[in-house]
Structures are given as C-alpha cells and as structure tokens.
Amino acid sequence: MILRQILRLSSLFHSAVSVHLRRNIGLSAIVFNKTKELDPVQKLFLDKIREYNTKSKQAGGPVDAGPEFQKDMNESLARLQRAYGEGDLTKFPDFKFE
C-alpha cells in the first residue's frame, strides 16, 4: 500500500517536473533565438523588406510601378464601376445590418 502511494506520487512528481522542464526549455529557446544573430540570408531578406516598406511609404503606393501599371489600374477600376455601380472601389465596403 505504501509502495503503491510512493509510486503514484513519483509518477505525479515526474509528470509535473517534465512539464515544467518543457516549458522552461521552450521559453529559453525563444529568448536564445531573439538574441542570436540572424544568418546573412535572413538579414538580407529583412533588410530588403524594410527598404521596400520605406520606399512604398514615400511613394504612397506600389514601388517602381510605371505608367502602364497606373493605366491598367484605372481601366480595371472603370470596368468594375461599370459592372457594380458607383462608389469607391479602393476601400472596403461598410455593411449595415438591421
């Protein structure tokens, strides 16, 4: 009887300790990855994304889009307005449920 209780307590202790260790290892892996330096390919990728973000904010739209892109965009918007009616097609519609 005592042996059975000891075995049951040891299995509970073992499961509690293993859960605790898994959590600590998981958290330490996240912290280690954040402090670790990125590899050169990842760093280059992130730099290019940040560069594109600043260029798109300065341009106010797509970067390096020529007059052809703007012409195609205007034609598409005109075609959609003819098909679906008036309104601003560049923003999400407002729905009102009663």
Protein backbone atom coordinates (compact mmCIF):
# COMPACT_ATOMS: atom_id res chain seq x y z
CA MET A 1 0.00 0.00 0.00
CA ILE A 2 2.75 2.43 0.90
CA LEU A 3 4.74 1.32 -2.10
CA ARG A 4 1.75 1.98 -4.35
CA GLN A 5 1.35 5.53 -2.96
CA ILE A 6 5.06 6.19 -3.37
CA LEU A 7 4.93 5.03 -6.99
CA ARG A 8 1.85 7.14 -7.66
CA LEU A 9 3.45 10.23 -6.10
CA SER A 10 6.67 9.64 -8.00
CA SER A 11 4.75 9.44 -11.29
CA LEU A 12 2.90 12.69 -10.43
CA PHE A 13 6.18 14.32 -9.49
CA HIS A 14 7.78 13.07 -12.71
CA SER A 15 4.97 14.44 -14.89
CA ALA A 16 4.99 17.81 -13.10
CA VAL A 17 8.75 18.13 -13.45
CA SER A 18 8.69 17.14 -17.12
CA VAL A 19 6.00 19.72 -17.92
CA HIS A 20 7.97 22.37 -16.05
CA LEU A 21 11.19 21.49 -17.88
CA ARG A 22 9.47 21.50 -21.29
CA ARG A 23 8.09 24.98 -20.64
CA ASN A 24 11.45 26.31 -19.49
CA ILE A 25 13.26 24.80 -22.46
CA GLY A 26 10.66 26.26 -24.81
CA LEU A 27 10.97 29.74 -23.30
CA SER A 28 14.75 29.65 -23.24
CA ALA A 29 14.78 28.62 -26.93
CA ILE A 30 12.66 31.66 -27.83
CA VAL A 31 14.88 34.01 -25.82
CA PHE A 32 18.01 32.46 -27.33
CA ASN A 33 16.68 32.88 -30.87
CA LYS A 34 15.83 36.54 -30.31
CA THR A 35 19.31 37.35 -29.02
CA LYS A 36 21.07 35.23 -31.62
CA GLU A 37 22.35 36.99 -34.71
CA LEU A 38 20.45 36.22 -37.92
CA ASP A 39 22.15 34.37 -40.71
CA PRO A 40 23.16 36.53 -43.70
CA VAL A 41 20.30 35.41 -45.96
CA GLN A 42 17.64 36.17 -43.35
CA LYS A 43 19.26 39.52 -42.61
CA LEU A 44 19.34 40.43 -46.32
CA PHE A 45 15.67 39.40 -46.70
CA LEU A 46 14.59 41.54 -43.73
CA ASP A 47 16.66 44.49 -44.95
CA LYS A 48 15.01 44.33 -48.40
CA ILE A 49 11.53 44.17 -46.83
CA ARG A 50 12.29 47.20 -44.65
CA GLU A 51 13.72 49.08 -47.64
CA TYR A 52 10.60 48.34 -49.71
CA ASN A 53 8.40 49.46 -46.82
CA THR A 54 10.11 52.85 -46.59
CA LYS A 55 10.01 53.30 -50.39
CA SER A 56 6.31 52.43 -50.56
CA LYS A 57 5.52 54.92 -47.79
CA GLN A 58 7.42 57.64 -49.65
CA ALA A 59 5.79 56.79 -52.98
CA GLY A 60 2.33 56.40 -51.47
CA GLY A 61 1.70 53.13 -53.30
CA PRO A 62 3.49 50.41 -55.23
CA VAL A 63 7.22 50.94 -55.72
CA ASP A 64 8.68 51.21 -59.22
CA ALA A 65 5.26 50.98 -60.84
CA GLY A 66 5.35 52.74 -64.17
CA PRO A 67 2.61 54.49 -66.11
CA GLU A 68 1.47 51.14 -67.56
CA PHE A 69 0.55 49.91 -64.11
CA GLN A 70 -1.44 53.05 -63.35
CA LYS A 71 -3.20 52.83 -66.73
CA ASP A 72 -4.15 49.17 -66.12
CA MET A 73 -5.34 50.02 -62.62
CA ASN A 74 -7.57 52.85 -63.86
CA GLU A 75 -9.03 50.64 -66.62
CA SER A 76 -9.78 47.87 -64.13
CA LEU A 77 -11.45 50.28 -61.71
CA ALA A 78 -13.55 51.78 -64.53
CA ARG A 79 -14.62 48.29 -65.66
CA LEU A 80 -15.58 47.33 -62.09
CA GLN A 81 -17.54 50.56 -61.60
CA ARG A 82 -19.48 49.91 -64.79
CA ALA A 83 -20.23 46.36 -63.65
CA TYR A 84 -21.05 47.01 -59.98
CA GLY A 85 -22.16 50.62 -59.82
CA GLU A 86 -20.82 53.71 -58.21
CA GLY A 87 -18.72 54.07 -55.09
CA ASP A 88 -15.12 53.96 -54.02
CA LEU A 89 -13.73 50.59 -55.09
CA THR A 90 -10.37 51.09 -53.38
CA LYS A 91 -11.74 50.79 -49.83
CA PHE A 92 -13.62 48.03 -48.03
CA PRO A 93 -17.41 48.48 -48.06
CA ASP A 94 -19.36 49.34 -44.92
CA PHE A 95 -22.09 46.85 -44.06
CA LYS A 96 -25.13 47.86 -42.03
CA PHE A 97 -27.28 45.09 -40.61
CA GLU A 98 -30.67 45.93 -39.18
